[in-house]
């Protein structure tokens, strides 16, 4: 049985790009939800923000397993 050794370098880069995208998406959803007056659109934006928060948590967890991160870098993900 092979021991799991974290993500490969190219996977870590992809995870970081996804994390950056999800952070931008979360910011946009939260900001836009404060500006819209339509309740249905607000609900959609709220659902998107909740989903983005969960995705960010999952991506951070995966990045913490990365072989590219040093202990100092891992602290900044918290």
N, C-alpha and C. Protein backbone atom coordinates (compact mmCIF):
# COMPACT_ATOMS: atom_id res chain seq x y z
N UNK A 1 0.84 -1.19 0.00
CA UNK A 1 0.00 0.00 0.00
C UNK A 1 0.88 1.25 0.00
N UNK A 2 0.60 2.17 -0.92
CA UNK A 2 1.39 3.39 -1.05
C UNK A 2 0.83 4.50 -0.15
N UNK A 3 1.72 5.21 0.52
CA UNK A 3 1.32 6.31 1.40
C UNK A 3 1.01 7.56 0.57
N UNK A 4 -0.09 8.25 0.90
CA UNK A 4 -0.45 9.48 0.22
C UNK A 4 0.58 10.56 0.53
N UNK A 5 1.12 11.20 -0.50
CA UNK A 5 2.18 12.18 -0.30
C UNK A 5 1.78 13.59 -0.69
N UNK A 6 0.51 13.87 -0.69
CA UNK A 6 0.06 15.22 -1.04
C UNK A 6 -0.09 15.38 -2.54
N UNK A 7 -0.32 16.62 -2.93
CA UNK A 7 -0.55 16.90 -4.34
C UNK A 7 0.77 17.12 -5.07
N UNK A 8 0.75 16.85 -6.35
CA UNK A 8 1.92 17.11 -7.19
C UNK A 8 2.04 18.61 -7.41
N UNK A 9 3.23 19.07 -7.78
CA UNK A 9 3.41 20.52 -7.98
C UNK A 9 2.42 21.15 -8.95
N UNK A 10 2.17 20.52 -10.09
CA UNK A 10 1.24 21.11 -11.06
C UNK A 10 -0.19 21.13 -10.51
N UNK A 11 -0.54 20.15 -9.68
CA UNK A 11 -1.85 20.14 -9.05
C UNK A 11 -1.98 21.26 -8.03
N UNK A 12 -0.92 21.52 -7.31
CA UNK A 12 -0.93 22.61 -6.33
C UNK A 12 -1.14 23.96 -6.99
N UNK A 13 -0.53 24.13 -8.14
CA UNK A 13 -0.70 25.38 -8.89
C UNK A 13 -2.15 25.53 -9.34
N UNK A 14 -2.73 24.45 -9.84
CA UNK A 14 -4.13 24.47 -10.25
C UNK A 14 -5.05 24.76 -9.06
N UNK A 15 -4.77 24.14 -7.92
CA UNK A 15 -5.58 24.39 -6.73
C UNK A 15 -5.50 25.85 -6.31
N UNK A 16 -4.31 26.43 -6.40
CA UNK A 16 -4.14 27.83 -6.03
C UNK A 16 -4.93 28.73 -6.97
N UNK A 17 -4.92 28.41 -8.26
CA UNK A 17 -5.69 29.20 -9.23
C UNK A 17 -7.19 29.09 -8.94
N UNK A 18 -7.65 27.89 -8.61
CA UNK A 18 -9.07 27.72 -8.26
C UNK A 18 -9.42 28.48 -6.99
N UNK A 19 -8.53 28.46 -6.01
CA UNK A 19 -8.77 29.19 -4.77
C UNK A 19 -8.87 30.69 -5.03
N UNK A 20 -8.00 31.20 -5.86
CA UNK A 20 -8.05 32.62 -6.22
C UNK A 20 -9.37 32.95 -6.92
N UNK A 21 -9.78 32.11 -7.85
CA UNK A 21 -11.04 32.32 -8.56
C UNK A 21 -12.23 32.30 -7.60
N UNK A 22 -12.24 31.33 -6.69
CA UNK A 22 -13.36 31.23 -5.74
C UNK A 22 -13.40 32.42 -4.79
N UNK A 23 -12.25 32.94 -4.40
CA UNK A 23 -12.21 34.14 -3.54
C UNK A 23 -12.80 35.34 -4.27
N UNK A 24 -12.47 35.49 -5.54
CA UNK A 24 -13.03 36.58 -6.35
C UNK A 24 -14.54 36.39 -6.50
N UNK A 25 -14.96 35.16 -6.76
CA UNK A 25 -16.39 34.87 -6.90
C UNK A 25 -17.15 35.19 -5.62
N UNK A 26 -16.59 34.82 -4.49
CA UNK A 26 -17.23 35.09 -3.20
C UNK A 26 -17.36 36.60 -2.98
N UNK A 27 -16.30 37.32 -3.24
CA UNK A 27 -16.32 38.77 -3.08
C UNK A 27 -17.39 39.40 -3.97
N UNK A 28 -17.46 38.95 -5.21
CA UNK A 28 -18.43 39.50 -6.15
C UNK A 28 -19.86 39.19 -5.71
N UNK A 29 -20.12 37.96 -5.28
CA UNK A 29 -21.47 37.59 -4.86
C UNK A 29 -21.92 38.38 -3.64
N UNK A 30 -21.04 38.53 -2.68
CA UNK A 30 -21.38 39.28 -1.46
C UNK A 30 -21.61 40.75 -1.79
N UNK A 31 -20.74 41.32 -2.60
CA UNK A 31 -20.87 42.73 -2.96
C UNK A 31 -22.14 42.98 -3.78
N UNK A 32 -22.38 42.14 -4.76
CA UNK A 32 -23.55 42.34 -5.61
C UNK A 32 -24.85 42.12 -4.85
N UNK A 33 -24.86 41.20 -3.88
CA UNK A 33 -26.10 40.94 -3.13
C UNK A 33 -26.54 42.16 -2.33
N UNK A 34 -25.59 43.02 -1.99
CA UNK A 34 -25.93 44.25 -1.26
C UNK A 34 -26.47 45.33 -2.18
N UNK A 35 -26.23 45.17 -3.47
CA UNK A 35 -26.63 46.20 -4.44
C UNK A 35 -27.93 45.90 -5.16
N UNK A 36 -28.34 44.63 -5.19
CA UNK A 36 -29.55 44.26 -5.94
C UNK A 36 -30.79 44.39 -5.07
N UNK A 37 -31.91 44.66 -5.72
CA UNK A 37 -33.17 44.80 -4.98
C UNK A 37 -34.09 43.59 -5.18
N UNK A 38 -33.86 42.81 -6.21
CA UNK A 38 -34.69 41.65 -6.49
C UNK A 38 -34.39 40.53 -5.49
N UNK A 39 -35.42 40.08 -4.78
CA UNK A 39 -35.23 39.07 -3.73
C UNK A 39 -34.77 37.72 -4.27
N UNK A 40 -35.26 37.36 -5.45
CA UNK A 40 -34.84 36.08 -6.03
C UNK A 40 -33.36 36.11 -6.40
N UNK A 41 -32.92 37.21 -6.96
CA UNK A 41 -31.50 37.36 -7.30
C UNK A 41 -30.65 37.39 -6.03
N UNK A 42 -31.13 38.06 -4.98
CA UNK A 42 -30.40 38.07 -3.71
C UNK A 42 -30.23 36.66 -3.17
N UNK A 43 -31.30 35.85 -3.27
CA UNK A 43 -31.24 34.47 -2.79
C UNK A 43 -30.22 33.65 -3.58
N UNK A 44 -30.19 33.86 -4.89
CA UNK A 44 -29.22 33.14 -5.74
C UNK A 44 -27.80 33.55 -5.36
N UNK A 45 -27.58 34.83 -5.19
CA UNK A 45 -26.25 35.31 -4.81
C UNK A 45 -25.84 34.79 -3.43
N UNK A 46 -26.79 34.71 -2.52
CA UNK A 46 -26.50 34.18 -1.18
C UNK A 46 -26.11 32.70 -1.27
N UNK A 47 -26.86 31.93 -2.06
CA UNK A 47 -26.54 30.51 -2.24
C UNK A 47 -25.15 30.35 -2.86
N UNK A 48 -24.83 31.21 -3.81
CA UNK A 48 -23.52 31.15 -4.45
C UNK A 48 -22.42 31.47 -3.43
N UNK A 49 -22.66 32.46 -2.57
CA UNK A 49 -21.67 32.82 -1.56
C UNK A 49 -21.43 31.67 -0.59
N UNK A 50 -22.50 31.01 -0.17
CA UNK A 50 -22.37 29.87 0.74
C UNK A 50 -21.58 28.74 0.06
N UNK A 51 -21.89 28.47 -1.19
CA UNK A 51 -21.17 27.43 -1.94
C UNK A 51 -19.69 27.79 -2.09
N UNK A 52 -19.42 29.05 -2.40
CA UNK A 52 -18.03 29.50 -2.55
C UNK A 52 -17.25 29.33 -1.24
N UNK A 53 -17.88 29.65 -0.13
CA UNK A 53 -17.22 29.49 1.17
C UNK A 53 -16.84 28.03 1.41
N UNK A 54 -17.74 27.12 1.08
CA UNK A 54 -17.45 25.70 1.25
C UNK A 54 -16.33 25.25 0.31
N UNK A 55 -16.37 25.71 -0.92
CA UNK A 55 -15.32 25.36 -1.89
C UNK A 55 -13.96 25.89 -1.42
N UNK A 56 -13.95 27.10 -0.88
CA UNK A 56 -12.70 27.69 -0.38
C UNK A 56 -12.13 26.84 0.75
N UNK A 57 -12.97 26.40 1.67
CA UNK A 57 -12.50 25.54 2.77
C UNK A 57 -11.89 24.25 2.23
N UNK A 58 -12.56 23.64 1.26
CA UNK A 58 -12.07 22.39 0.68
C UNK A 58 -10.76 22.61 -0.07
N UNK A 59 -10.67 23.69 -0.82
CA UNK A 59 -9.44 23.97 -1.56
C UNK A 59 -8.28 24.26 -0.61
N UNK A 60 -8.54 24.98 0.47
CA UNK A 60 -7.49 25.24 1.46
C UNK A 60 -6.99 23.94 2.08
N UNK A 61 -7.92 23.04 2.38
CA UNK A 61 -7.53 21.75 2.94
C UNK A 61 -6.61 21.01 1.98
N UNK A 62 -6.99 20.97 0.71
CA UNK A 62 -6.17 20.29 -0.29
C UNK A 62 -4.81 20.96 -0.45
N UNK A 63 -4.80 22.28 -0.41
CA UNK A 63 -3.52 23.00 -0.53
C UNK A 63 -2.61 22.75 0.66
N UNK A 64 -3.20 22.54 1.82
CA UNK A 64 -2.40 22.24 3.01
C UNK A 64 -1.65 20.92 2.85
N UNK A 65 -2.14 20.04 2.00
CA UNK A 65 -1.49 18.76 1.73
C UNK A 65 -0.40 18.88 0.67
N UNK A 66 -0.26 20.05 0.10
CA UNK A 66 0.64 20.28 -1.01
C UNK A 66 2.10 20.08 -0.62
N UNK A 67 2.85 19.51 -1.54
CA UNK A 67 4.29 19.34 -1.32
C UNK A 67 5.04 20.64 -1.54
N UNK A 68 4.41 21.64 -2.15
CA UNK A 68 5.08 22.91 -2.43
C UNK A 68 5.08 23.86 -1.25
N UNK A 69 4.17 23.67 -0.31
CA UNK A 69 4.03 24.62 0.77
C UNK A 69 5.00 24.34 1.91
N UNK A 70 5.54 25.40 2.45
CA UNK A 70 6.38 25.30 3.64
C UNK A 70 5.48 25.49 4.85
N UNK A 71 5.95 25.16 6.05
CA UNK A 71 5.11 25.38 7.24
C UNK A 71 4.66 26.84 7.40
N UNK A 72 5.52 27.80 7.03
CA UNK A 72 5.15 29.22 7.12
C UNK A 72 4.03 29.56 6.15
N UNK A 73 4.09 29.02 4.95
CA UNK A 73 3.08 29.28 3.94
C UNK A 73 1.76 28.65 4.34
N UNK A 74 1.80 27.48 4.94
CA UNK A 74 0.59 26.79 5.36
C UNK A 74 -0.16 27.60 6.41
N UNK A 75 0.58 28.33 7.25
CA UNK A 75 -0.06 29.16 8.29
C UNK A 75 -0.90 30.26 7.66
N UNK A 76 -0.48 30.81 6.54
CA UNK A 76 -1.22 31.91 5.92
C UNK A 76 -2.54 31.45 5.32
N UNK A 77 -2.71 30.16 5.09
CA UNK A 77 -3.97 29.64 4.57
C UNK A 77 -5.05 29.62 5.64
N UNK A 78 -4.65 29.61 6.89
CA UNK A 78 -5.62 29.50 7.98
C UNK A 78 -6.43 30.75 8.16
